[in-house]
Structure formats: C-alpha cells, structure tokens
C-alpha cells in the first residue's frame, strides 16, 4: 500500500480545517478538527494503525500548537493538496518576478530561497 494512501483521510481532515480557518469559517473548521480528534481516538484502539496514529498525532499537534500560539494562519496544507499548493505558490512567485523583468539569475536565486523558506 502506498504510504500516502494511509494518511489521506487524516490529511483531508487537516486540510479542511486549514482551508475553513483561512476563510474565517471557524465553526466549520472546528467540526473537521473534532472529527480529526475522534479519528485519533479510533486509531488508538487498533494496534495495526500505528503509522496512522503517529501521523494523526502530528497533525493534531500542529493544530493545537498553532491555536495556542494564535498562528493558525501560518498552517500549510499537507499531503497531495499541500504539494499542489506549494507548486502553485512557487509558480506564481516566479511569474511575478518575470513580470517585474528581473534577471534570470536573480529569479533563480529568489525561487530557490522561496522554496527553502516556504512556510516560515
């Protein structure tokens, strides 16, 4: 089984939380957060879900930490959706630099820096 396939449901719940929080639909975001918590409790009961349990715990921890620090706006999507968002962000950034008529070397350096510091 594909490793990512194991985590798809947890990633989906996490991503819906992040998207709804970004849209300021807080009540809907917390519905997905609650389902993620319930999924975490379910995974704790089944020994064969140890990989998923660790992944869910990490996602839950990310949300909890962001809520405590009031930095939920900095949460990034995860999984396949996160990768697509990352690639789109980088492509948009590169297009913006090209529209500003930056030299190719500068564009390359800034894109590398943006990739390295994405999410920070």
PDB file of N, CA and C in Angstrom:
ATOM      1  N   UNK A   1       0.842  -1.185   0.000  1.00  0.00           N
ATOM      2  CA  UNK A   1       0.000   0.000   0.000  1.00  0.00           C
ATOM      3  C   UNK A   1       0.884   1.244   0.000  1.00  0.00           C
ATOM      4  N   UNK A   2       0.480   2.211  -0.793  1.00  0.00           N
ATOM      5  CA  UNK A   2       1.191   3.479  -0.864  1.00  0.00           C
ATOM      6  C   UNK A   2       1.148   4.165   0.499  1.00  0.00           C
ATOM      7  N   UNK A   3       2.298   4.664   0.922  1.00  0.00           N
ATOM      8  CA  UNK A   3       2.393   5.306   2.239  1.00  0.00           C
ATOM      9  C   UNK A   3       1.399   6.469   2.335  1.00  0.00           C
ATOM     10  N   UNK A   4       1.338   7.297   1.313  1.00  0.00           N
ATOM     11  CA  UNK A   4       0.449   8.454   1.342  1.00  0.00           C
ATOM     12  C   UNK A   4      -1.018   8.029   1.455  1.00  0.00           C
ATOM     13  N   UNK A   5      -1.371   6.891   0.873  1.00  0.00           N
ATOM     14  CA  UNK A   5      -2.754   6.417   0.924  1.00  0.00           C
ATOM     15  C   UNK A   5      -3.192   6.157   2.364  1.00  0.00           C
ATOM     16  N   UNK A   6      -2.266   5.754   3.208  1.00  0.00           N
ATOM     17  CA  UNK A   6      -2.585   5.508   4.611  1.00  0.00           C
ATOM     18  C   UNK A   6      -3.031   6.781   5.319  1.00  0.00           C
ATOM     19  N   UNK A   7      -2.488   7.890   4.885  1.00  0.00           N
ATOM     20  CA  UNK A   7      -2.687   9.149   5.591  1.00  0.00           C
ATOM     21  C   UNK A   7      -3.736  10.055   4.953  1.00  0.00           C
ATOM     22  N   UNK A   8      -4.348   9.627   3.866  1.00  0.00           N
ATOM     23  CA  UNK A   8      -5.226  10.515   3.098  1.00  0.00           C
ATOM     24  C   UNK A   8      -6.389  11.070   3.913  1.00  0.00           C
ATOM     25  N   UNK A   9      -7.040  10.232   4.703  1.00  0.00           N
ATOM     26  CA  UNK A   9      -8.198  10.720   5.456  1.00  0.00           C
ATOM     27  C   UNK A   9      -7.777  11.757   6.492  1.00  0.00           C
ATOM     28  N   UNK A  10      -6.718  11.483   7.220  1.00  0.00           N
ATOM     29  CA  UNK A  10      -6.234  12.446   8.217  1.00  0.00           C
ATOM     30  C   UNK A  10      -5.782  13.739   7.535  1.00  0.00           C
ATOM     31  N   UNK A  11      -5.089  13.607   6.412  1.00  0.00           N
ATOM     32  CA  UNK A  11      -4.661  14.795   5.671  1.00  0.00           C
ATOM     33  C   UNK A  11      -5.864  15.597   5.191  1.00  0.00           C
ATOM     34  N   UNK A  12      -6.876  14.879   4.715  1.00  0.00           N
ATOM     35  CA  UNK A  12      -8.080  15.548   4.219  1.00  0.00           C
ATOM     36  C   UNK A  12      -8.748  16.340   5.343  1.00  0.00           C
ATOM     37  N   UNK A  13      -8.890  15.736   6.510  1.00  0.00           N
ATOM     38  CA  UNK A  13      -9.500  16.428   7.652  1.00  0.00           C
ATOM     39  C   UNK A  13      -8.685  17.661   8.038  1.00  0.00           C
ATOM     40  N   UNK A  14      -7.382  17.484   8.121  1.00  0.00           N
ATOM     41  CA  UNK A  14      -6.479  18.585   8.479  1.00  0.00           C
ATOM     42  C   UNK A  14      -6.600  19.722   7.453  1.00  0.00           C
ATOM     43  N   UNK A  15      -6.576  19.363   6.166  1.00  0.00           N
ATOM     44  CA  UNK A  15      -6.645  20.373   5.107  1.00  0.00           C
ATOM     45  C   UNK A  15      -7.972  21.120   5.116  1.00  0.00           C
ATOM     46  N   UNK A  16      -9.074  20.412   5.420  1.00  0.00           N
ATOM     47  CA  UNK A  16     -10.367  21.097   5.505  1.00  0.00           C
ATOM     48  C   UNK A  16     -10.369  22.067   6.686  1.00  0.00           C
ATOM     49  N   UNK A  17      -9.740  21.675   7.794  1.00  0.00           N
ATOM     50  CA  UNK A  17      -9.623  22.593   8.928  1.00  0.00           C
ATOM     51  C   UNK A  17      -8.876  23.854   8.495  1.00  0.00           C
ATOM     52  N   UNK A  18      -7.719  23.662   7.860  1.00  0.00           N
ATOM     53  CA  UNK A  18      -6.882  24.793   7.448  1.00  0.00           C
ATOM     54  C   UNK A  18      -7.641  25.694   6.461  1.00  0.00           C
ATOM     55  N   UNK A  19      -8.271  25.095   5.463  1.00  0.00           N
ATOM     56  CA  UNK A  19      -8.998  25.889   4.467  1.00  0.00           C
ATOM     57  C   UNK A  19     -10.126  26.692   5.102  1.00  0.00           C
ATOM     58  N   UNK A  20     -10.902  26.057   5.956  1.00  0.00           N
ATOM     59  CA  UNK A  20     -12.019  26.766   6.581  1.00  0.00           C
ATOM     60  C   UNK A  20     -11.533  27.828   7.546  1.00  0.00           C
ATOM     61  N   UNK A  21     -10.442  27.575   8.232  1.00  0.00           N
ATOM     62  CA  UNK A  21      -9.897  28.595   9.132  1.00  0.00           C
ATOM     63  C   UNK A  21      -9.398  29.789   8.328  1.00  0.00           C
ATOM     64  N   UNK A  22      -8.767  29.526   7.186  1.00  0.00           N
ATOM     65  CA  UNK A  22      -8.306  30.619   6.318  1.00  0.00           C
ATOM     66  C   UNK A  22      -9.479  31.465   5.827  1.00  0.00           C
ATOM     67  N   UNK A  23     -10.619  30.814   5.568  1.00  0.00           N
ATOM     68  CA  UNK A  23     -11.813  31.513   5.070  1.00  0.00           C
ATOM     69  C   UNK A  23     -12.597  32.158   6.208  1.00  0.00           C
ATOM     70  N   UNK A  24     -12.093  32.060   7.428  1.00  0.00           N
ATOM     71  CA  UNK A  24     -12.757  32.602   8.613  1.00  0.00           C
ATOM     72  C   UNK A  24     -14.070  31.896   8.925  1.00  0.00           C
ATOM     73  N   UNK A  25     -14.228  30.665   8.446  1.00  0.00           N
ATOM     74  CA  UNK A  25     -15.396  29.854   8.791  1.00  0.00           C
ATOM     75  C   UNK A  25     -14.982  28.959   9.962  1.00  0.00           C
ATOM     76  N   UNK A  26     -14.830  29.587  11.117  1.00  0.00           N
ATOM     77  CA  UNK A  26     -14.249  28.944  12.295  1.00  0.00           C
ATOM     78  C   UNK A  26     -15.092  27.763  12.783  1.00  0.00           C
ATOM     79  N   UNK A  27     -16.401  27.921  12.795  1.00  0.00           N
ATOM     80  CA  UNK A  27     -17.239  26.829  13.298  1.00  0.00           C
ATOM     81  C   UNK A  27     -17.110  25.589  12.422  1.00  0.00           C
ATOM     82  N   UNK A  28     -17.070  25.766  11.125  1.00  0.00           N
ATOM     83  CA  UNK A  28     -16.888  24.631  10.219  1.00  0.00           C
ATOM     84  C   UNK A  28     -15.487  24.031  10.380  1.00  0.00           C
ATOM     85  N   UNK A  29     -14.491  24.883  10.576  1.00  0.00           N
ATOM     86  CA  UNK A  29     -13.121  24.401  10.775  1.00  0.00           C
ATOM     87  C   UNK A  29     -13.063  23.494  12.001  1.00  0.00           C
ATOM     88  N   UNK A  30     -13.728  23.887  13.068  1.00  0.00           N
ATOM     89  CA  UNK A  30     -13.669  23.095  14.293  1.00  0.00           C
ATOM     90  C   UNK A  30     -14.469  21.804  14.201  1.00  0.00           C
ATOM     91  N   UNK A  31     -15.391  21.729  13.258  1.00  0.00           N
ATOM     92  CA  UNK A  31     -16.064  20.448  13.010  1.00  0.00           C
ATOM     93  C   UNK A  31     -15.042  19.445  12.483  1.00  0.00           C
ATOM     94  N   UNK A  32     -14.215  19.876  11.529  1.00  0.00           N
ATOM     95  CA  UNK A  32     -13.181  18.995  10.994  1.00  0.00           C
ATOM     96  C   UNK A  32     -12.119  18.667  12.056  1.00  0.00           C
ATOM     97  N   UNK A  33     -11.821  19.635  12.890  1.00  0.00           N
ATOM     98  CA  UNK A  33     -10.878  19.402  13.990  1.00  0.00           C
ATOM     99  C   UNK A  33     -11.421  18.351  14.949  1.00  0.00           C
ATOM    100  N   UNK A  34     -12.702  18.439  15.255  1.00  0.00           N
ATOM    101  CA  UNK A  34     -13.326  17.464  16.139  1.00  0.00           C
ATOM    102  C   UNK A  34     -13.317  16.062  15.526  1.00  0.00           C
ATOM    103  N   UNK A  35     -13.601  15.979  14.239  1.00  0.00           N
ATOM    104  CA  UNK A  35     -13.564  14.672  13.572  1.00  0.00           C
ATOM    105  C   UNK A  35     -12.143  14.117  13.580  1.00  0.00           C
ATOM    106  N   UNK A  36     -11.149  14.977  13.406  1.00  0.00           N
ATOM    107  CA  UNK A  36      -9.753  14.530  13.480  1.00  0.00           C
ATOM    108  C   UNK A  36      -9.447  13.966  14.869  1.00  0.00           C
ATOM    109  N   UNK A  37      -9.944  14.602  15.902  1.00  0.00           N
ATOM    110  CA  UNK A  37      -9.749  14.104  17.270  1.00  0.00           C
ATOM    111  C   UNK A  37     -10.437  12.755  17.443  1.00  0.00           C
ATOM    112  N   UNK A  38     -11.638  12.625  16.910  1.00  0.00           N
ATOM    113  CA  UNK A  38     -12.358  11.344  17.007  1.00  0.00           C
ATOM    114  C   UNK A  38     -11.615  10.250  16.244  1.00  0.00           C
ATOM    115  N   UNK A  39     -11.059  10.602  15.100  1.00  0.00           N
ATOM    116  CA  UNK A  39     -10.272   9.641  14.314  1.00  0.00           C
ATOM    117  C   UNK A  39      -9.015   9.230  15.079  1.00  0.00           C
ATOM    118  N   UNK A  40      -8.434  10.177  15.785  1.00  0.00           N
ATOM    119  CA  UNK A  40      -7.259   9.883  16.617  1.00  0.00           C
ATOM    120  C   UNK A  40      -7.625   8.881  17.712  1.00  0.00           C
ATOM    121  N   UNK A  41      -8.750   9.084  18.353  1.00  0.00           N
ATOM    122  CA  UNK A  41      -9.215   8.164  19.403  1.00  0.00           C
ATOM    123  C   UNK A  41      -9.511   6.783  18.822  1.00  0.00           C
ATOM    124  N   UNK A  42     -10.105   6.740  17.642  1.00  0.00           N
ATOM    125  CA  UNK A  42     -10.394   5.472  16.970  1.00  0.00           C
ATOM    126  C   UNK A  42      -9.090   4.738  16.648  1.00  0.00           C
ATOM    127  N   UNK A  43      -8.108   5.460  16.126  1.00  0.00           N
ATOM    128  CA  UNK A  43      -6.834   4.838  15.740  1.00  0.00           C
ATOM    129  C   UNK A  43      -6.082   4.306  16.958  1.00  0.00           C
ATOM    130  N   UNK A  44      -6.292   4.900  18.117  1.00  0.00           N
ATOM    131  CA  UNK A  44      -5.625   4.428  19.326  1.00  0.00           C
ATOM    132  C   UNK A  44      -6.120   3.049  19.750  1.00  0.00           C
ATOM    133  N   UNK A  45      -7.302   2.695  19.326  1.00  0.00           N
ATOM    134  CA  UNK A  45      -7.882   1.419  19.725  1.00  0.00           C
ATOM    135  C   UNK A  45      -7.423   0.249  18.854  1.00  0.00           C
ATOM    136  N   UNK A  46      -6.877   0.538  17.678  1.00  0.00           N
ATOM    137  CA  UNK A  46      -6.470  -0.530  16.766  1.00  0.00           C
ATOM    138  C   UNK A  46      -4.952  -0.558  16.625  1.00  0.00           C
ATOM    139  N   UNK A  47      -4.310  -1.633  17.090  1.00  0.00           N
ATOM    140  CA  UNK A  47      -2.851  -1.708  17.057  1.00  0.00           C
ATOM    141  C   UNK A  47      -2.262  -1.620  15.646  1.00  0.00           C
ATOM    142  N   UNK A  48      -2.971  -2.102  14.642  1.00  0.00           N
ATOM    143  CA  UNK A  48      -2.400  -2.100  13.303  1.00  0.00           C
ATOM    144  C   UNK A  48      -2.404  -0.717  12.643  1.00  0.00           C
ATOM    145  N   UNK A  49      -2.964   0.263  13.299  1.00  0.00           N
ATOM    146  CA  UNK A  49      -2.977   1.635  12.772  1.00  0.00           C
ATOM    147  C   UNK A  49      -1.883   2.505  13.396  1.00  0.00           C
ATOM    148  N   UNK A  50      -0.781   1.908  13.775  1.00  0.00           N
ATOM    149  CA  UNK A  50       0.263   2.666  14.472  1.00  0.00           C
ATOM    150  C   UNK A  50       0.848   3.786  13.604  1.00  0.00           C
ATOM    151  N   UNK A  51       1.047   3.527  12.307  1.00  0.00           N
ATOM    152  CA  UNK A  51       1.567   4.576  11.422  1.00  0.00           C
ATOM    153  C   UNK A  51       0.599   5.749  11.338  1.00  0.00           C
ATOM    154  N   UNK A  52      -0.673   5.431  11.124  1.00  0.00           N
ATOM    155  CA  UNK A  52      -1.678   6.482  11.048  1.00  0.00           C
ATOM    156  C   UNK A  52      -1.785   7.230  12.370  1.00  0.00           C
ATOM    157  N   UNK A  53      -1.673   6.506  13.463  1.00  0.00           N
ATOM    158  CA  UNK A  53      -1.764   7.113  14.788  1.00  0.00           C
ATOM    159  C   UNK A  53      -0.685   8.186  14.960  1.00  0.00           C
ATOM    160  N   UNK A  54       0.538   7.866  14.563  1.00  0.00           N
ATOM    161  CA  UNK A  54       1.626   8.850  14.662  1.00  0.00           C
ATOM    162  C   UNK A  54       1.352  10.063  13.777  1.00  0.00           C
ATOM    163  N   UNK A  55       0.881   9.801  12.570  1.00  0.00           N
ATOM    164  CA  UNK A  55       0.602  10.899  11.634  1.00  0.00           C
ATOM    165  C   UNK A  55      -0.537  11.781  12.155  1.00  0.00           C
ATOM    166  N   UNK A  56      -1.595  11.165  12.633  1.00  0.00           N
ATOM    167  CA  UNK A  56      -2.729  11.924  13.180  1.00  0.00           C
ATOM    168  C   UNK A  56      -2.278  12.740  14.386  1.00  0.00           C
ATOM    169  N   UNK A  57      -1.457  12.131  15.225  1.00  0.00           N
ATOM    170  CA  UNK A  57      -0.953  12.838  16.411  1.00  0.00           C
ATOM    171  C   UNK A  57      -0.146  14.068  15.998  1.00  0.00           C
ATOM    172  N   UNK A  58       0.647  13.932  14.945  1.00  0.00           N
ATOM    173  CA  UNK A  58       1.439  15.059  14.461  1.00  0.00           C
ATOM    174  C   UNK A  58       0.537  16.171  13.929  1.00  0.00           C
ATOM    175  N   UNK A  59      -0.456  15.820  13.124  1.00  0.00           N
ATOM    176  CA  UNK A  59      -1.375  16.823  12.577  1.00  0.00           C
ATOM    177  C   UNK A  59      -2.164  17.508  13.695  1.00  0.00           C
ATOM    178  N   UNK A  60      -2.652  16.716  14.639  1.00  0.00           N
ATOM    179  CA  UNK A  60      -3.389  17.262  15.784  1.00  0.00           C
ATOM    180  C   UNK A  60      -2.490  18.203  16.581  1.00  0.00           C
ATOM    181  N   UNK A  61      -1.241  17.798  16.770  1.00  0.00           N
ATOM    182  CA  UNK A  61      -0.286  18.642  17.487  1.00  0.00           C
ATOM    183  C   UNK A  61      -0.022  19.953  16.765  1.00  0.00           C
ATOM    184  N   UNK A  62       0.069  19.901  15.441  1.00  0.00           N
ATOM    185  CA  UNK A  62       0.278  21.131  14.660  1.00  0.00           C
ATOM    186  C   UNK A  62      -0.865  22.116  14.873  1.00  0.00           C
ATOM    187  N   UNK A  63      -2.093  21.597  14.828  1.00  0.00           N
ATOM    188  CA  UNK A  63      -3.258  22.466  15.019  1.00  0.00           C
ATOM    189  C   UNK A  63      -3.282  23.012  16.441  1.00  0.00           C
ATOM    190  N   UNK A  64      -3.078  22.144  17.414  1.00  0.00           N
ATOM    191  CA  UNK A  64      -3.119  22.563  18.818  1.00  0.00           C
ATOM    192  C   UNK A  64      -2.069  23.634  19.098  1.00  0.00           C
ATOM    193  N   UNK A  65      -0.868  23.414  18.608  1.00  0.00           N
ATOM    194  CA  UNK A  65       0.213  24.386  18.818  1.00  0.00           C
ATOM    195  C   UNK A  65      -0.126  25.722  18.155  1.00  0.00           C
ATOM    196  N   UNK A  66      -0.642  25.666  16.930  1.00  0.00           N
ATOM    197  CA  UNK A  66      -0.993  26.895  16.217  1.00  0.00           C
ATOM    198  C   UNK A  66      -2.120  27.644  16.932  1.00  0.00           C
ATOM    199  N   UNK A  67      -3.075  26.903  17.472  1.00  0.00           N
ATOM    200  CA  UNK A  67      -4.162  27.555  18.203  1.00  0.00           C
ATOM    201  C   UNK A  67      -3.648  28.221  19.479  1.00  0.00           C
ATOM    202  N   UNK A  68      -2.776  27.531  20.199  1.00  0.00           N
ATOM    203  CA  UNK A  68      -2.235  28.099  21.437  1.00  0.00           C
ATOM    204  C   UNK A  68      -1.412  29.354  21.165  1.00  0.00           C
ATOM    205  N   UNK A  69      -0.641  29.328  20.073  1.00  0.00           N
ATOM    206  CA  UNK A  69       0.228  30.453  19.737  1.00  0.00           C
ATOM    207  C   UNK A  69      -0.472  31.505  18.883  1.00  0.00           C
ATOM    208  N   UNK A  70      -1.753  31.246  18.573  1.00  0.00           N
ATOM    209  CA  UNK A  70      -2.545  32.150  17.732  1.00  0.00           C
ATOM    210  C   UNK A  70      -1.876  32.369  16.377  1.00  0.00           C
ATOM    211  N   UNK A  71      -1.394  31.278  15.800  1.00  0.00           N
ATOM    212  CA  UNK A  71      -0.730  31.329  14.497  1.00  0.00           C
ATOM    213  C   UNK A  71      -1.364  30.353  13.509  1.00  0.00           C
ATOM    214  N   UNK A  72      -2.660  30.182  13.601  1.00  0.00           N
ATOM    215  CA  UNK A  72      -3.324  29.236  12.705  1.00  0.00           C
ATOM    216  C   UNK A  72      -3.276  29.696  11.251  1.00  0.00           C
ATOM    217  N   UNK A  73      -3.090  30.990  11.038  1.00  0.00           N
ATOM    218  CA  UNK A  73      -2.984  31.487   9.667  1.00  0.00           C
ATOM    219  C   UNK A  73      -1.694  31.027   8.991  1.00  0.00           C
ATOM    220  N   UNK A  74      -0.748  30.510   9.751  1.00  0.00           N
ATOM    221  CA  UNK A  74       0.510  30.035   9.176  1.00  0.00           C
ATOM    222  C   UNK A  74       0.492  28.546   8.846  1.00  0.00           C
ATOM    223  N   UNK A  75      -0.597  27.860   9.177  1.00  0.00           N
ATOM    224  CA  UNK A  75      -0.677  26.431   8.865  1.00  0.00           C
ATOM    225  C   UNK A  75      -0.739  26.232   7.359  1.00  0.00           C
ATOM    226  N   UNK A  76      -0.016  25.241   6.877  1.00  0.00           N
ATOM    227  CA  UNK A  76       0.014  24.907   5.459  1.00  0.00           C
ATOM    228  C   UNK A  76      -0.722  23.600   5.228  1.00  0.00           C
ATOM    229  N   UNK A  77      -1.262  23.450   4.033  1.00  0.00           N
ATOM    230  CA  UNK A  77      -1.899  22.194   3.677  1.00  0.00           C
ATOM    231  C   UNK A  77      -0.849  21.081   3.681  1.00  0.00           C
ATOM    232  N   UNK A  78      -1.316  19.857   3.798  1.00  0.00           N
ATOM    233  CA  UNK A  78      -0.408  18.720   3.848  1.00  0.00           C
ATOM    234  C   UNK A  78      -0.787  17.702   2.769  1.00  0.00           C
ATOM    235  N   UNK A  79       0.059  16.733   2.545  1.00  0.00           N
ATOM    236  CA  UNK A  79      -0.220  15.676   1.579  1.00  0.00           C
ATOM    237  C   UNK A  79      -0.174  16.184   0.144  1.00  0.00           C
ATOM    238  N   UNK A  80      -0.965  15.539  -0.709  1.00  0.00           N
ATOM    239  CA  UNK A  80      -1.003  15.911  -2.126  1.00  0.00           C
ATOM    240  C   UNK A  80      -1.486  17.343  -2.336  1.00  0.00           C
ATOM    241  N   UNK A  81      -2.483  17.740  -1.571  1.00  0.00           N
ATOM    242  CA  UNK A  81      -3.005  19.100  -1.687  1.00  0.00           C
ATOM    243  C   UNK A  81      -1.938  20.126  -1.295  1.00  0.00           C
ATOM    244  N   UNK A  82      -1.168  19.808  -0.285  1.00  0.00           N
ATOM    245  CA  UNK A  82      -0.095  20.694   0.142  1.00  0.00           C
ATOM    246  C   UNK A  82       0.978  20.828  -0.921  1.00  0.00           C
ATOM    247  N   UNK A  83       1.295  19.715  -1.571  1.00  0.00           N
ATOM    248  CA  UNK A  83       2.294  19.742  -2.641  1.00  0.00           C
ATOM    249  C   UNK A  83       1.806  20.587  -3.814  1.00  0.00           C
ATOM    250  N   UNK A  84       0.522  20.446  -4.169  1.00  0.00           N
ATOM    251  CA  UNK A  84      -0.048  21.248  -5.263  1.00  0.00           C
ATOM    252  C   UNK A  84      -0.044  22.728  -4.913  1.00  0.00           C
ATOM    253  N   UNK A  85      -0.408  23.051  -3.679  1.00  0.00           N
ATOM    254  CA  UNK A  85      -0.413  24.448  -3.245  1.00  0.00           C
ATOM    255  C   UNK A  85       1.004  25.019  -3.275  1.00  0.00           C
ATOM    256  N   UNK A  86       1.974  24.224  -2.837  1.00  0.00           N
ATOM    257  CA  UNK A  86       3.370  24.650  -2.844  1.00  0.00           C
ATOM    258  C   UNK A  86       3.826  24.959  -4.270  1.00  0.00           C
ATOM    259  N   UNK A  87       3.572  24.037  -5.195  1.00  0.00           N
ATOM    260  CA  UNK A  87       3.997  24.229  -6.588  1.00  0.00           C
ATOM    261  C   UNK A  87       3.308  25.443  -7.204  1.00  0.00           C
ATOM    262  N   UNK A  88       2.025  25.651  -6.901  1.00  0.00           N
ATOM    263  CA  UNK A  88       1.305  26.805  -7.430  1.00  0.00           C
ATOM    264  C   UNK A  88       1.881  28.105  -6.868  1.00  0.00           C
ATOM    265  N   UNK A  89       2.174  28.108  -5.584  1.00  0.00           N
ATOM    266  CA  UNK A  89       2.739  29.302  -4.955  1.00  0.00           C
ATOM    267  C   UNK A  89       4.089  29.654  -5.574  1.00  0.00           C
ATOM    268  N   UNK A  90       4.923  28.649  -5.777  1.00  0.00           N
ATOM    269  CA  UNK A  90       6.246  28.878  -6.362  1.00  0.00           C
ATOM    270  C   UNK A  90       6.105  29.365  -7.804  1.00  0.00           C
ATOM    271  N   UNK A  91       5.202  28.750  -8.574  1.00  0.00           N
ATOM    272  CA  UNK A  91       4.993  29.160  -9.967  1.00  0.00           C
ATOM    273  C   UNK A  91       4.476  30.600 -10.039  1.00  0.00           C
ATOM    274  N   UNK A  92       3.543  30.958  -9.160  1.00  0.00           N
ATOM    275  CA  UNK A  92       3.018  32.327  -9.126  1.00  0.00           C
ATOM    276  C   UNK A  92       4.116  33.323  -8.757  1.00  0.00           C
ATOM    277  N   UNK A  93       4.955  32.942  -7.812  1.00  0.00           N
ATOM    278  CA  UNK A  93       6.063  33.801  -7.385  1.00  0.00           C
ATOM    279  C   UNK A  93       7.044  34.019  -8.537  1.00  0.00           C
ATOM    280  N   UNK A  94       7.363  32.930  -9.246  1.00  0.00           N
ATOM    281  CA  UNK A  94       8.278  33.037 -10.379  1.00  0.00           C
ATOM    282  C   UNK A  94       7.671  33.905 -11.480  1.00  0.00           C
ATOM    283  N   UNK A  95       6.378  33.748 -11.747  1.00  0.00           N
ATOM    284  CA  UNK A  95       5.704  34.563 -12.764  1.00  0.00           C
ATOM    285  C   UNK A  95       5.710  36.039 -12.366  1.00  0.00           C
ATOM    286  N   UNK A  96       5.507  36.312 -11.076  1.00  0.00           N
ATOM    287  CA  UNK A  96       5.530  37.694 -10.611  1.00  0.00           C
ATOM    288  C   UNK A  96       6.915  38.311 -10.829  1.00  0.00           C
ATOM    289  N   UNK A  97       7.956  37.536 -10.545  1.00  0.00           N
ATOM    290  CA  UNK A  97       9.317  38.041 -10.747  1.00  0.00           C
ATOM    291  C   UNK A  97       9.597  38.302 -12.228  1.00  0.00           C
ATOM    292  N   UNK A  98       9.095  37.410 -13.095  1.00  0.00           N
ATOM    293  CA  UNK A  98       9.272  37.606 -14.539  1.00  0.00           C
ATOM    294  C   UNK A  98       8.515  38.848 -15.011  1.00  0.00           C
ATOM    295  N   UNK A  99       7.326  39.085 -14.459  1.00  0.00           N
ATOM    296  CA  UNK A  99       6.557  40.280 -14.816  1.00  0.00           C
ATOM    297  C   UNK A  99       7.277  41.553 -14.393  1.00  0.00           C
ATOM    298  N   UNK A 100       8.078  41.455 -13.347  1.00  0.00           N
ATOM    299  CA  UNK A 100       8.853  42.595 -12.861  1.00  0.00           C
ATOM    300  C   UNK A 100      10.158  42.754 -13.638  1.00  0.00           C
ATOM    301  N   UNK A 101      10.363  41.889 -14.645  1.00  0.00           N
ATOM    302  CA  UNK A 101      11.557  41.922 -15.506  1.00  0.00           C
ATOM    303  C   UNK A 101      12.860  41.750 -14.727  1.00  0.00           C
ATOM    304  N   UNK A 102      12.837  40.856 -13.762  1.00  0.00           N
ATOM    305  CA  UNK A 102      14.059  40.544 -13.020  1.00  0.00           C
ATOM    306  C   UNK A 102      14.979  39.697 -13.896  1.00  0.00           C
ATOM    307  N   UNK A 103      16.284  39.824 -13.699  1.00  0.00           N
ATOM    308  CA  UNK A 103      17.229  38.975 -14.451  1.00  0.00           C
ATOM    309  C   UNK A 103      17.042  37.494 -14.076  1.00  0.00           C
ATOM    310  N   UNK A 104      17.336  36.617 -15.025  1.00  0.00           N
ATOM    311  CA  UNK A 104      17.148  35.174 -14.822  1.00  0.00           C
ATOM    312  C   UNK A 104      17.893  34.656 -13.591  1.00  0.00           C
ATOM    313  N   UNK A 105      19.103  35.132 -13.404  1.00  0.00           N
ATOM    314  CA  UNK A 105      19.892  34.669 -12.254  1.00  0.00           C
ATOM    315  C   UNK A 105      19.227  35.071 -10.940  1.00  0.00           C
ATOM    316  N   UNK A 106      18.702  36.273 -10.895  1.00  0.00           N
ATOM    317  CA  UNK A 106      18.004  36.743  -9.703  1.00  0.00           C
ATOM    318  C   UNK A 106      16.739  35.931  -9.465  1.00  0.00           C
ATOM    319  N   UNK A 107      16.003  35.656 -10.540  1.00  0.00           N
ATOM    320  CA  UNK A 107      14.787  34.844 -10.425  1.00  0.00           C
ATOM    321  C   UNK A 107      15.132  33.475  -9.863  1.00  0.00           C
ATOM    322  N   UNK A 108      16.162  32.856 -10.431  1.00  0.00           N
ATOM    323  CA  UNK A 108      16.568  31.525  -9.964  1.00  0.00           C
ATOM    324  C   UNK A 108      16.937  31.555  -8.483  1.00  0.00           C
ATOM    325  N   UNK A 109      17.715  32.532  -8.074  1.00  0.00           N
ATOM    326  CA  UNK A 109      18.134  32.628  -6.673  1.00  0.00           C
ATOM    327  C   UNK A 109      16.953  32.876  -5.734  1.00  0.00           C
ATOM    328  N   UNK A 110      16.049  33.771  -6.142  1.00  0.00           N
ATOM    329  CA  UNK A 110      14.891  34.082  -5.293  1.00  0.00           C
ATOM    330  C   UNK A 110      13.929  32.902  -5.205  1.00  0.00           C
ATOM    331  N   UNK A 111      13.761  32.167  -6.294  1.00  0.00           N
ATOM    332  CA  UNK A 111      12.884  30.996  -6.275  1.00  0.00           C
ATOM    333  C   UNK A 111      13.475  29.919  -5.371  1.00  0.00           C
ATOM    334  N   UNK A 112      14.781  29.720  -5.445  1.00  0.00           N
ATOM    335  CA  UNK A 112      15.437  28.740  -4.562  1.00  0.00           C
ATOM    336  C   UNK A 112      15.245  29.152  -3.105  1.00  0.00           C
ATOM    337  N   UNK A 113      15.421  30.433  -2.826  1.00  0.00           N
ATOM    338  CA  UNK A 113      15.239  30.929  -1.455  1.00  0.00           C
ATOM    339  C   UNK A 113      13.791  30.754  -0.993  1.00  0.00           C
ATOM    340  N   UNK A 114      12.845  31.036  -1.893  1.00  0.00           N
ATOM    341  CA  UNK A 114      11.420  30.888  -1.563  1.00  0.00           C
ATOM    342  C   UNK A 114      11.095  29.419  -1.275  1.00  0.00           C
ATOM    343  N   UNK A 115      11.628  28.504  -2.084  1.00  0.00           N
ATOM    344  CA  UNK A 115      11.414  27.070  -1.841  1.00  0.00           C
ATOM    345  C   UNK A 115      11.984  26.657  -0.483  1.00  0.00           C
ATOM    346  N   UNK A 116      13.151  27.159  -0.182  1.00  0.00           N
ATOM    347  CA  UNK A 116      13.824  26.797   1.069  1.00  0.00           C
ATOM    348  C   UNK A 116      13.078  27.334   2.287  1.00  0.00           C
ATOM    349  N   UNK A 117      12.543  28.537   2.172  1.00  0.00           N
ATOM    350  CA  UNK A 117      11.892  29.188   3.324  1.00  0.00           C
ATOM    351  C   UNK A 117      10.371  29.111   3.275  1.00  0.00           C
ATOM    352  N   UNK A 118       9.823  28.272   2.423  1.00  0.00           N
ATOM    353  CA  UNK A 118       8.365  28.173   2.301  1.00  0.00           C
ATOM    354  C   UNK A 118       7.738  27.792   3.635  1.00  0.00           C
ATOM    355  N   UNK A 119       6.778  28.591   4.060  1.00  0.00           N
ATOM    356  CA  UNK A 119       6.077  28.312   5.300  1.00  0.00           C
ATOM    357  C   UNK A 119       6.702  28.940   6.531  1.00  0.00           C
ATOM    358  N   UNK A 120       7.827  29.561   6.385  1.00  0.00           N
ATOM    359  CA  UNK A 120       8.477  30.212   7.534  1.00  0.00           C
ATOM    360  C   UNK A 120       8.207  31.691   7.538  1.00  0.00           C
TER     361      UNK A 120
END
